[in-house]
């Protein structure tokens, strides 16, 4: 009986925990490509089309008010394989236009920000982009306690090209291992003769 009560309470806590997760996730602002300023946040192409070999986009937001938290998720798919790169930065001159980026995630991976006395920055390269797969750039942060309005801006670029899939990488590494073993075996055979 005690085991059943414990199992039931764990299940109830799990459901309540999931409800809390879904409510905080629903507080995120989802932005898709094509959202032009004065939309806030915004994410739009500045050069190329989804099928161009090279694509560039701008994204960002202005957050108003003191101690305002934000969670902006920029979503996009590209109908070709390639790799992405980009940057994001903040810049402020006083507490009235200061914000702090707490976390930047690209496709679920967190990247470390570089902080200075006048802002923060991040630059990434070589992010694999696969044909038709949903990609996300998530920016989380908070404005200063005396902020009126604060801004972050970013750029994202895409270059078409072959992106090896994990199975291809495994086959390639295995092939290199077999070639190395064959060369080692061949070299050993020559030394014995």
N, C-alpha and C. Protein backbone atom coordinates (compact mmCIF):
# COMPACT_ATOMS: atom_id res chain seq x y z
N UNK A 1 0.82 -1.19 0.00
CA UNK A 1 0.00 0.00 0.00
C UNK A 1 0.87 1.26 0.00
N UNK A 2 1.93 1.26 0.82
CA UNK A 2 2.83 2.40 0.89
C UNK A 2 3.50 2.62 -0.47
N UNK A 3 3.86 1.52 -1.14
CA UNK A 3 4.50 1.64 -2.45
C UNK A 3 3.55 2.28 -3.46
N UNK A 4 2.25 1.92 -3.40
CA UNK A 4 1.26 2.51 -4.31
C UNK A 4 1.11 4.00 -4.06
N UNK A 5 1.05 4.41 -2.75
CA UNK A 5 0.93 5.83 -2.43
C UNK A 5 2.15 6.60 -2.93
N UNK A 6 3.35 6.02 -2.73
CA UNK A 6 4.58 6.66 -3.17
C UNK A 6 4.58 6.81 -4.69
N UNK A 7 4.20 5.75 -5.39
CA UNK A 7 4.15 5.78 -6.85
C UNK A 7 3.14 6.83 -7.33
N UNK A 8 1.99 6.91 -6.67
CA UNK A 8 0.98 7.88 -7.05
C UNK A 8 1.47 9.31 -6.80
N UNK A 9 2.14 9.55 -5.66
CA UNK A 9 2.63 10.90 -5.38
C UNK A 9 3.73 11.30 -6.35
N UNK A 10 4.59 10.35 -6.76
CA UNK A 10 5.63 10.64 -7.75
C UNK A 10 4.96 10.98 -9.09
N UNK A 11 3.92 10.24 -9.46
CA UNK A 11 3.22 10.51 -10.72
C UNK A 11 2.56 11.88 -10.69
N UNK A 12 1.92 12.24 -9.56
CA UNK A 12 1.28 13.55 -9.44
C UNK A 12 2.32 14.65 -9.52
N UNK A 13 3.46 14.50 -8.82
CA UNK A 13 4.53 15.50 -8.87
C UNK A 13 5.07 15.62 -10.29
N UNK A 14 5.19 14.48 -10.97
CA UNK A 14 5.68 14.51 -12.35
C UNK A 14 4.73 15.28 -13.26
N UNK A 15 3.43 15.05 -13.09
CA UNK A 15 2.43 15.76 -13.91
C UNK A 15 2.47 17.25 -13.60
N UNK A 16 2.55 17.60 -12.30
CA UNK A 16 2.63 19.01 -11.93
C UNK A 16 3.91 19.64 -12.48
N UNK A 17 5.00 18.90 -12.43
CA UNK A 17 6.26 19.40 -12.98
C UNK A 17 6.15 19.63 -14.47
N UNK A 18 5.52 18.69 -15.19
CA UNK A 18 5.34 18.87 -16.63
C UNK A 18 4.42 20.04 -16.93
N UNK A 19 3.41 20.24 -16.09
CA UNK A 19 2.52 21.38 -16.29
C UNK A 19 3.30 22.68 -16.12
N UNK A 20 4.20 22.72 -15.14
CA UNK A 20 5.03 23.91 -14.95
C UNK A 20 5.95 24.14 -16.12
N UNK A 21 6.51 23.06 -16.67
CA UNK A 21 7.40 23.18 -17.82
C UNK A 21 6.62 23.70 -19.02
N UNK A 22 5.42 23.16 -19.25
CA UNK A 22 4.68 23.59 -20.42
C UNK A 22 4.21 25.03 -20.28
N UNK A 23 3.90 25.47 -19.04
CA UNK A 23 3.46 26.85 -18.90
C UNK A 23 4.63 27.81 -19.12
N UNK A 24 5.84 27.46 -18.64
CA UNK A 24 6.97 28.35 -18.88
C UNK A 24 7.37 28.32 -20.35
N UNK A 25 7.23 27.18 -21.02
CA UNK A 25 7.55 27.10 -22.44
C UNK A 25 6.56 27.90 -23.26
N UNK A 26 5.30 27.94 -22.82
CA UNK A 26 4.30 28.69 -23.56
C UNK A 26 4.52 30.20 -23.42
N UNK A 27 5.32 30.62 -22.43
CA UNK A 27 5.61 32.03 -22.25
C UNK A 27 6.64 32.52 -23.27
N UNK A 28 7.31 31.60 -23.96
CA UNK A 28 8.31 31.99 -24.96
C UNK A 28 7.63 32.63 -26.16
N UNK A 29 8.33 33.57 -26.78
CA UNK A 29 7.84 34.23 -28.00
C UNK A 29 8.44 33.51 -29.20
N UNK A 30 7.60 32.93 -30.05
CA UNK A 30 8.06 32.21 -31.25
C UNK A 30 8.03 33.17 -32.43
N UNK A 31 9.16 33.25 -33.15
CA UNK A 31 9.27 34.15 -34.28
C UNK A 31 9.72 33.34 -35.49
N UNK A 32 9.03 33.48 -36.61
CA UNK A 32 9.38 32.77 -37.83
C UNK A 32 10.00 33.73 -38.84
N UNK A 33 10.72 33.17 -39.80
CA UNK A 33 11.34 33.98 -40.84
C UNK A 33 10.26 34.76 -41.58
N UNK A 34 10.56 36.01 -41.89
CA UNK A 34 9.60 36.86 -42.59
C UNK A 34 8.97 37.89 -41.68
N UNK A 35 9.31 37.86 -40.39
CA UNK A 35 8.78 38.83 -39.44
C UNK A 35 9.65 40.08 -39.52
N UNK A 36 9.14 41.12 -40.17
CA UNK A 36 9.90 42.34 -40.42
C UNK A 36 9.67 43.38 -39.33
N UNK A 37 10.69 44.24 -39.07
CA UNK A 37 10.43 45.39 -38.18
C UNK A 37 9.34 46.26 -38.81
N UNK A 38 8.47 46.89 -38.07
CA UNK A 38 8.58 47.17 -36.65
C UNK A 38 8.10 46.05 -35.74
N UNK A 39 7.88 44.84 -36.26
CA UNK A 39 7.55 43.71 -35.38
C UNK A 39 8.66 43.58 -34.34
N UNK A 40 8.30 43.16 -33.17
CA UNK A 40 9.27 43.05 -32.08
C UNK A 40 8.96 41.80 -31.26
N UNK A 41 9.77 40.77 -31.30
CA UNK A 41 11.03 40.58 -32.01
C UNK A 41 10.82 40.38 -33.52
N UNK A 42 11.94 40.44 -34.25
CA UNK A 42 11.88 40.32 -35.71
C UNK A 42 12.92 39.31 -36.20
N UNK A 43 12.68 38.74 -37.40
CA UNK A 43 13.59 37.77 -38.02
C UNK A 43 13.27 37.75 -39.51
N UNK A 44 14.17 38.28 -40.33
CA UNK A 44 13.88 38.37 -41.75
C UNK A 44 15.15 38.18 -42.58
N UNK A 45 14.97 37.73 -43.83
CA UNK A 45 16.09 37.54 -44.75
C UNK A 45 16.56 38.90 -45.27
N UNK A 46 17.88 39.08 -45.31
CA UNK A 46 18.44 40.30 -45.88
C UNK A 46 19.05 40.03 -47.25
N UNK A 47 19.40 38.76 -47.52
CA UNK A 47 19.87 38.39 -48.86
C UNK A 47 19.59 36.92 -49.11
N UNK A 48 19.31 36.60 -50.38
CA UNK A 48 19.04 35.23 -50.77
C UNK A 48 17.60 34.82 -50.55
N UNK A 49 17.31 33.59 -50.96
CA UNK A 49 16.02 32.95 -50.75
C UNK A 49 16.30 31.60 -50.10
N UNK A 50 15.30 30.89 -49.62
CA UNK A 50 15.56 29.59 -48.98
C UNK A 50 16.32 28.59 -49.87
N UNK A 51 16.27 28.76 -51.19
CA UNK A 51 16.98 27.81 -52.06
C UNK A 51 18.28 28.40 -52.62
N UNK A 52 18.66 29.60 -52.19
CA UNK A 52 19.94 30.19 -52.63
C UNK A 52 21.10 29.44 -51.98
N UNK A 53 22.27 29.42 -52.64
CA UNK A 53 23.43 28.79 -52.02
C UNK A 53 23.96 29.55 -50.81
N UNK A 54 23.58 30.83 -50.69
CA UNK A 54 24.00 31.65 -49.55
C UNK A 54 22.82 32.49 -49.09
N UNK A 55 22.56 32.47 -47.79
CA UNK A 55 21.41 33.18 -47.23
C UNK A 55 21.89 33.97 -46.01
N UNK A 56 21.39 35.18 -45.85
CA UNK A 56 21.69 35.99 -44.66
C UNK A 56 20.39 36.49 -44.06
N UNK A 57 20.32 36.50 -42.73
CA UNK A 57 19.13 36.99 -42.03
C UNK A 57 19.55 37.86 -40.85
N UNK A 58 18.69 38.79 -40.49
CA UNK A 58 18.85 39.60 -39.28
C UNK A 58 17.75 39.24 -38.30
N UNK A 59 18.07 39.30 -37.01
CA UNK A 59 17.07 39.07 -35.98
C UNK A 59 17.40 39.91 -34.76
N UNK A 60 16.43 40.10 -33.89
CA UNK A 60 16.67 40.86 -32.68
C UNK A 60 15.37 41.27 -32.03
N UNK A 61 15.52 42.08 -30.96
CA UNK A 61 14.35 42.55 -30.24
C UNK A 61 14.74 43.72 -29.35
N UNK A 62 13.74 44.53 -29.02
CA UNK A 62 13.88 45.57 -28.02
C UNK A 62 12.93 45.22 -26.89
N UNK A 63 13.47 45.15 -25.68
CA UNK A 63 12.68 44.77 -24.51
C UNK A 63 12.48 46.02 -23.66
N UNK A 64 11.23 46.32 -23.33
CA UNK A 64 10.89 47.52 -22.57
C UNK A 64 10.60 47.19 -21.13
N UNK A 65 11.02 48.10 -20.24
CA UNK A 65 10.68 47.99 -18.83
C UNK A 65 11.79 47.44 -17.97
N UNK A 66 11.72 47.76 -16.69
CA UNK A 66 12.73 47.29 -15.74
C UNK A 66 12.54 45.81 -15.38
N UNK A 67 13.64 45.11 -15.22
CA UNK A 67 13.66 43.69 -14.79
C UNK A 67 12.73 42.83 -15.63
N UNK A 68 12.62 43.12 -16.91
CA UNK A 68 11.75 42.35 -17.81
C UNK A 68 12.52 41.14 -18.34
N UNK A 69 11.97 39.96 -18.09
CA UNK A 69 12.59 38.74 -18.62
C UNK A 69 12.02 38.46 -19.99
N UNK A 70 12.82 37.80 -20.83
CA UNK A 70 12.37 37.45 -22.17
C UNK A 70 12.96 36.11 -22.58
N UNK A 71 12.24 35.42 -23.45
CA UNK A 71 12.64 34.13 -24.01
C UNK A 71 12.13 34.13 -25.45
N UNK A 72 13.02 34.51 -26.39
CA UNK A 72 12.65 34.61 -27.79
C UNK A 72 13.20 33.42 -28.55
N UNK A 73 12.33 32.72 -29.29
CA UNK A 73 12.73 31.55 -30.07
C UNK A 73 12.49 31.86 -31.54
N UNK A 74 13.58 31.90 -32.30
CA UNK A 74 13.52 32.16 -33.74
C UNK A 74 13.59 30.80 -34.44
N UNK A 75 12.58 30.49 -35.26
CA UNK A 75 12.49 29.18 -35.92
C UNK A 75 12.62 29.32 -37.42
N UNK A 76 13.33 28.35 -38.04
CA UNK A 76 13.44 28.36 -39.50
C UNK A 76 13.78 26.97 -40.01
N UNK A 77 13.39 26.70 -41.24
CA UNK A 77 13.81 25.50 -41.95
C UNK A 77 14.38 25.95 -43.29
N UNK A 78 15.33 25.20 -43.79
CA UNK A 78 15.94 25.48 -45.08
C UNK A 78 15.85 24.20 -45.91
N UNK A 79 15.40 24.28 -47.19
CA UNK A 79 15.21 23.08 -48.00
C UNK A 79 16.49 22.58 -48.67
N UNK A 80 17.61 22.63 -47.95
CA UNK A 80 18.88 22.13 -48.46
C UNK A 80 19.85 21.94 -47.30
N UNK A 81 20.87 21.13 -47.50
CA UNK A 81 21.90 20.91 -46.48
C UNK A 81 22.97 21.98 -46.58
N UNK A 82 23.62 22.24 -45.47
CA UNK A 82 24.71 23.20 -45.44
C UNK A 82 25.14 23.47 -44.02
N UNK A 83 25.78 24.61 -43.81
CA UNK A 83 26.20 24.96 -42.46
C UNK A 83 25.86 26.41 -42.18
N UNK A 84 25.63 26.69 -40.92
CA UNK A 84 25.25 28.02 -40.50
C UNK A 84 26.30 28.66 -39.62
N UNK A 85 26.28 29.96 -39.59
CA UNK A 85 27.12 30.73 -38.68
C UNK A 85 26.34 31.98 -38.31
N UNK A 86 26.82 32.69 -37.31
CA UNK A 86 26.10 33.89 -36.93
C UNK A 86 26.71 34.56 -35.73
N UNK A 87 26.09 35.66 -35.35
CA UNK A 87 26.54 36.40 -34.19
C UNK A 87 25.35 37.08 -33.54
N UNK A 88 25.54 37.44 -32.27
CA UNK A 88 24.53 38.18 -31.53
C UNK A 88 25.28 39.10 -30.59
N UNK A 89 24.72 40.29 -30.36
CA UNK A 89 25.40 41.22 -29.46
C UNK A 89 24.41 42.15 -28.77
N UNK A 90 24.86 42.68 -27.64
CA UNK A 90 24.16 43.72 -26.92
C UNK A 90 25.14 44.86 -26.74
N UNK A 91 24.62 46.05 -26.60
CA UNK A 91 25.46 47.22 -26.36
C UNK A 91 24.64 48.21 -25.54
N UNK A 92 25.26 48.77 -24.49
CA UNK A 92 24.53 49.74 -23.68
C UNK A 92 25.48 50.81 -23.18
N UNK A 93 24.90 51.96 -22.90
CA UNK A 93 25.69 53.08 -22.38
C UNK A 93 25.36 53.39 -20.93
N UNK A 94 24.20 52.92 -20.45
CA UNK A 94 23.81 53.13 -19.06
C UNK A 94 22.80 52.06 -18.67
N UNK A 95 22.38 52.11 -17.42
CA UNK A 95 21.42 51.11 -16.94
C UNK A 95 20.05 51.23 -17.61
N UNK A 96 19.72 52.38 -18.19
CA UNK A 96 18.40 52.53 -18.81
C UNK A 96 18.28 51.77 -20.13
N UNK A 97 19.42 51.38 -20.73
CA UNK A 97 19.37 50.58 -21.97
C UNK A 97 20.18 49.29 -21.86
N UNK A 98 20.31 48.77 -20.64
CA UNK A 98 21.10 47.56 -20.40
C UNK A 98 20.22 46.33 -20.29
N UNK A 99 20.65 45.26 -20.94
CA UNK A 99 20.06 43.94 -20.72
C UNK A 99 21.18 42.93 -20.63
N UNK A 100 20.87 41.81 -20.01
CA UNK A 100 21.83 40.72 -19.86
C UNK A 100 21.26 39.49 -20.55
N UNK A 101 22.01 38.94 -21.49
CA UNK A 101 21.63 37.67 -22.10
C UNK A 101 22.08 36.57 -21.16
N UNK A 102 21.14 35.78 -20.66
CA UNK A 102 21.46 34.68 -19.76
C UNK A 102 21.86 33.42 -20.51
N UNK A 103 21.27 33.24 -21.69
CA UNK A 103 21.53 32.01 -22.44
C UNK A 103 21.17 32.20 -23.91
N UNK A 104 22.04 31.67 -24.78
CA UNK A 104 21.75 31.60 -26.21
C UNK A 104 21.91 30.14 -26.61
N UNK A 105 20.84 29.57 -27.14
CA UNK A 105 20.85 28.17 -27.57
C UNK A 105 20.60 28.11 -29.07
N UNK A 106 21.40 27.32 -29.76
CA UNK A 106 21.18 27.09 -31.19
C UNK A 106 20.92 25.60 -31.35
N UNK A 107 19.73 25.28 -31.81
CA UNK A 107 19.28 23.89 -31.93
C UNK A 107 19.49 23.12 -30.62
N UNK A 108 19.19 23.79 -29.51
CA UNK A 108 19.25 23.16 -28.20
C UNK A 108 20.61 23.16 -27.54
N UNK A 109 21.65 23.60 -28.22
CA UNK A 109 23.00 23.64 -27.65
C UNK A 109 23.30 25.05 -27.15
N UNK A 110 23.73 25.16 -25.89
CA UNK A 110 24.06 26.46 -25.31
C UNK A 110 25.47 26.87 -25.74
N UNK A 111 25.63 28.15 -26.04
CA UNK A 111 26.92 28.70 -26.44
C UNK A 111 27.31 29.80 -25.45
N UNK A 112 28.60 29.85 -25.07
CA UNK A 112 29.03 30.84 -24.07
C UNK A 112 29.14 32.25 -24.67
N UNK A 113 28.68 33.21 -23.92
CA UNK A 113 28.72 34.61 -24.31
C UNK A 113 29.99 35.26 -23.76
N UNK A 114 30.48 36.25 -24.48
CA UNK A 114 31.62 37.04 -24.01
C UNK A 114 31.05 38.35 -23.49
N UNK A 115 31.36 38.67 -22.22
CA UNK A 115 30.84 39.89 -21.60
C UNK A 115 31.93 40.94 -21.50
N UNK A 116 31.51 42.19 -21.65
CA UNK A 116 32.42 43.33 -21.46
C UNK A 116 31.67 44.39 -20.67
N UNK A 117 32.32 45.48 -20.37
CA UNK A 117 31.67 46.52 -19.58
C UNK A 117 30.53 47.20 -20.33
N UNK A 118 30.51 47.10 -21.66
CA UNK A 118 29.47 47.76 -22.45
C UNK A 118 28.55 46.84 -23.20
N UNK A 119 28.56 45.53 -22.89
CA UNK A 119 27.65 44.61 -23.57
C UNK A 119 28.12 43.18 -23.58
N UNK A 120 27.51 42.39 -24.44
CA UNK A 120 27.84 40.97 -24.58
C UNK A 120 27.88 40.64 -26.07
N UNK A 121 28.61 39.55 -26.39
CA UNK A 121 28.65 39.12 -27.79
C UNK A 121 28.86 37.61 -27.86
N UNK A 122 28.52 37.07 -29.02
CA UNK A 122 28.68 35.65 -29.30
C UNK A 122 28.83 35.50 -30.80
N UNK A 123 29.78 34.67 -31.23
CA UNK A 123 29.93 34.34 -32.65
C UNK A 123 30.11 32.83 -32.76
N UNK A 124 29.38 32.20 -33.68
CA UNK A 124 29.47 30.75 -33.88
C UNK A 124 29.63 30.47 -35.37
N UNK A 125 30.28 29.34 -35.68
CA UNK A 125 30.42 28.89 -37.07
C UNK A 125 30.24 27.38 -37.11
N UNK A 126 30.00 26.87 -38.31
CA UNK A 126 29.96 25.43 -38.52
C UNK A 126 28.78 24.70 -37.92
N UNK A 127 27.65 25.35 -37.75
CA UNK A 127 26.46 24.69 -37.21
C UNK A 127 25.81 23.91 -38.36
N UNK A 128 25.69 22.58 -38.26
CA UNK A 128 25.08 21.82 -39.36
C UNK A 128 23.60 22.15 -39.52
N UNK A 129 23.20 22.41 -40.75
CA UNK A 129 21.79 22.67 -41.08
C UNK A 129 21.37 21.59 -42.07
N UNK A 130 20.34 20.82 -41.71
CA UNK A 130 19.88 19.72 -42.55
C UNK A 130 18.58 20.08 -43.26
N UNK A 131 18.43 19.56 -44.44
CA UNK A 131 17.28 19.80 -45.30
C UNK A 131 15.96 19.54 -44.57
N UNK A 132 15.12 20.57 -44.47
CA UNK A 132 13.78 20.42 -43.94
C UNK A 132 13.66 20.26 -42.44
N UNK A 133 14.77 20.29 -41.69
CA UNK A 133 14.72 20.10 -40.25
C UNK A 133 14.51 21.46 -39.57
N UNK A 134 13.63 21.50 -38.56
CA UNK A 134 13.37 22.74 -37.83
C UNK A 134 14.61 23.15 -37.05
N UNK A 135 15.07 24.38 -37.23
CA UNK A 135 16.20 24.94 -36.51
C UNK A 135 15.70 26.05 -35.60
N UNK A 136 16.37 26.23 -34.47
CA UNK A 136 15.96 27.28 -33.53
C UNK A 136 17.17 28.04 -33.01
N UNK A 137 16.97 29.32 -32.83
CA UNK A 137 17.91 30.18 -32.10
C UNK A 137 17.09 30.72 -30.95
N UNK A 138 17.47 30.39 -29.72
CA UNK A 138 16.72 30.84 -28.55
C UNK A 138 17.58 31.80 -27.75
N UNK A 139 17.00 32.96 -27.43
CA UNK A 139 17.70 34.01 -26.70
C UNK A 139 16.92 34.30 -25.43
N UNK A 140 17.58 34.11 -24.27
CA UNK A 140 16.94 34.34 -22.98
C UNK A 140 17.72 35.40 -22.22
N UNK A 141 17.00 36.26 -21.51
CA UNK A 141 17.69 37.28 -20.74
C UNK A 141 16.75 38.11 -19.91
N UNK A 142 17.31 39.23 -19.38
CA UNK A 142 16.56 40.12 -18.51
C UNK A 142 17.14 41.54 -18.66
N UNK A 143 16.27 42.53 -18.53
CA UNK A 143 16.74 43.92 -18.56
C UNK A 143 17.18 44.32 -17.15
N UNK A 144 17.91 45.43 -17.06
CA UNK A 144 18.37 45.91 -15.75
C UNK A 144 17.17 46.41 -14.93
N UNK A 145 17.39 46.59 -13.64
CA UNK A 145 16.31 47.00 -12.74
C UNK A 145 15.81 48.40 -13.03
N UNK A 146 16.58 49.21 -13.77
CA UNK A 146 16.15 50.58 -14.09
C UNK A 146 16.03 50.79 -15.60
N UNK A 147 15.93 49.71 -16.35
CA UNK A 147 15.88 49.82 -17.81
C UNK A 147 14.58 50.46 -18.29
N UNK A 148 14.70 51.25 -19.33
CA UNK A 148 13.54 51.79 -20.03
C UNK A 148 13.30 50.94 -21.27
N UNK A 149 14.34 50.77 -22.10
CA UNK A 149 14.28 49.91 -23.28
C UNK A 149 15.70 49.46 -23.60
N UNK A 150 15.86 48.18 -23.91
CA UNK A 150 17.18 47.61 -24.21
C UNK A 150 17.06 46.69 -25.42
N UNK A 151 18.14 46.59 -26.20
CA UNK A 151 18.10 45.90 -27.48
C UNK A 151 19.21 44.88 -27.61
N UNK A 152 18.90 43.76 -28.29
CA UNK A 152 19.93 42.85 -28.78
C UNK A 152 19.70 42.65 -30.27
N UNK A 153 20.79 42.43 -31.01
CA UNK A 153 20.69 42.22 -32.45
C UNK A 153 21.55 41.02 -32.84
N UNK A 154 21.18 40.39 -33.94
CA UNK A 154 21.94 39.24 -34.41
C UNK A 154 21.87 39.09 -35.91
N UNK A 155 22.82 38.33 -36.44
CA UNK A 155 22.81 37.95 -37.85
C UNK A 155 23.00 36.45 -37.93
N UNK A 156 22.41 35.84 -38.94
CA UNK A 156 22.57 34.41 -39.19
C UNK A 156 22.86 34.24 -40.68
N UNK A 157 23.82 33.39 -41.00
CA UNK A 157 24.14 33.12 -42.40
C UNK A 157 24.11 31.62 -42.64
N UNK A 158 23.85 31.25 -43.88
CA UNK A 158 23.78 29.85 -44.28
C UNK A 158 24.55 29.69 -45.58
N UNK A 159 25.37 28.65 -45.66
CA UNK A 159 26.08 28.32 -46.89
C UNK A 159 25.74 26.89 -47.26
N UNK A 160 25.23 26.69 -48.48
CA UNK A 160 24.84 25.36 -48.93
C UNK A 160 26.08 24.49 -49.08
N UNK A 161 25.90 23.22 -48.87
CA UNK A 161 26.99 22.25 -49.01
C UNK A 161 26.59 20.96 -48.35
N UNK A 162 27.37 19.95 -48.60
CA UNK A 162 27.09 18.64 -48.01
C UNK A 162 27.41 18.66 -46.53
N UNK A 163 26.47 18.22 -45.71
CA UNK A 163 26.68 18.05 -44.28
C UNK A 163 26.62 16.56 -44.01
N UNK A 164 27.77 15.92 -43.68
CA UNK A 164 27.73 14.49 -43.43
C UNK A 164 26.81 14.15 -42.26
N UNK A 165 26.02 13.11 -42.44
CA UNK A 165 25.16 12.65 -41.37
C UNK A 165 25.99 11.81 -40.40
N UNK A 166 25.52 11.61 -39.16
CA UNK A 166 26.29 10.84 -38.18
C UNK A 166 26.71 9.46 -38.69
N UNK A 167 25.83 8.77 -39.42
CA UNK A 167 26.18 7.45 -39.95
C UNK A 167 27.33 7.56 -40.95
N UNK A 168 27.33 8.63 -41.75
CA UNK A 168 28.42 8.83 -42.70
C UNK A 168 29.74 9.08 -41.98
N UNK A 169 29.67 9.90 -40.90
CA UNK A 169 30.89 10.14 -40.12
C UNK A 169 31.41 8.82 -39.54
N UNK A 170 30.53 7.99 -39.01
CA UNK A 170 30.95 6.72 -38.42
C UNK A 170 31.58 5.82 -39.48
N UNK A 171 30.98 5.76 -40.67
CA UNK A 171 31.56 4.94 -41.74
C UNK A 171 32.92 5.48 -42.16
N UNK A 172 33.05 6.80 -42.24
CA UNK A 172 34.31 7.40 -42.65
C UNK A 172 35.40 7.12 -41.61
N UNK A 173 35.10 7.29 -40.34
CA UNK A 173 36.08 7.02 -39.29
C UNK A 173 36.45 5.55 -39.27
N UNK A 174 35.45 4.67 -39.42
CA UNK A 174 35.72 3.23 -39.50
C UNK A 174 36.61 2.89 -40.68
N UNK A 175 36.35 3.53 -41.82
CA UNK A 175 37.18 3.31 -43.01
C UNK A 175 38.61 3.72 -42.78
N UNK A 176 38.81 4.88 -42.14
CA UNK A 176 40.17 5.32 -41.83
C UNK A 176 40.87 4.32 -40.91
N UNK A 177 40.12 3.79 -39.95
CA UNK A 177 40.69 2.79 -39.04
C UNK A 177 41.11 1.54 -39.79
N UNK A 178 40.28 1.07 -40.71
CA UNK A 178 40.62 -0.13 -41.49
C UNK A 178 41.83 0.12 -42.39
N UNK A 179 41.90 1.29 -43.01
CA UNK A 179 43.05 1.63 -43.86
C UNK A 179 44.31 1.66 -43.01
N UNK A 180 44.24 2.28 -41.83
CA UNK A 180 45.40 2.33 -40.94
C UNK A 180 45.84 0.94 -40.52
N UNK A 181 44.88 0.06 -40.19
CA UNK A 181 45.22 -1.31 -39.79
C UNK A 181 45.85 -2.07 -40.94
N UNK A 182 45.32 -1.88 -42.16
CA UNK A 182 45.89 -2.57 -43.33
C UNK A 182 47.31 -2.08 -43.60
N UNK A 183 47.54 -0.77 -43.49
CA UNK A 183 48.89 -0.24 -43.71
C UNK A 183 49.85 -0.74 -42.65
N UNK A 184 49.40 -0.81 -41.42
CA UNK A 184 50.25 -1.30 -40.34
C UNK A 184 50.59 -2.77 -40.57
N UNK A 185 49.61 -3.55 -40.99
CA UNK A 185 49.82 -4.97 -41.24
C UNK A 185 50.79 -5.15 -42.41
N UNK A 186 50.61 -4.34 -43.47
CA UNK A 186 51.48 -4.42 -44.63
C UNK A 186 52.91 -4.06 -44.25
N UNK A 187 53.10 -2.99 -43.45
CA UNK A 187 54.43 -2.56 -43.03
C UNK A 187 55.09 -3.65 -42.18
N UNK A 188 54.33 -4.28 -41.30
CA UNK A 188 54.87 -5.34 -40.47
C UNK A 188 55.33 -6.51 -41.33
N UNK A 189 54.57 -6.84 -42.37
CA UNK A 189 54.93 -7.94 -43.27
C UNK A 189 56.24 -7.66 -43.96
N UNK A 190 56.50 -6.46 -44.37
CA UNK A 190 57.75 -6.12 -45.06
C UNK A 190 58.94 -6.23 -44.11
N UNK A 191 58.76 -5.89 -42.86
CA UNK A 191 59.87 -5.94 -41.92
C UNK A 191 60.27 -7.38 -41.62
N UNK A 192 59.37 -8.33 -41.67
CA UNK A 192 59.67 -9.72 -41.36
C UNK A 192 60.39 -10.40 -42.53
N UNK A 193 60.19 -10.00 -43.71
CA UNK A 193 60.75 -10.68 -44.88
C UNK A 193 62.24 -10.45 -45.03
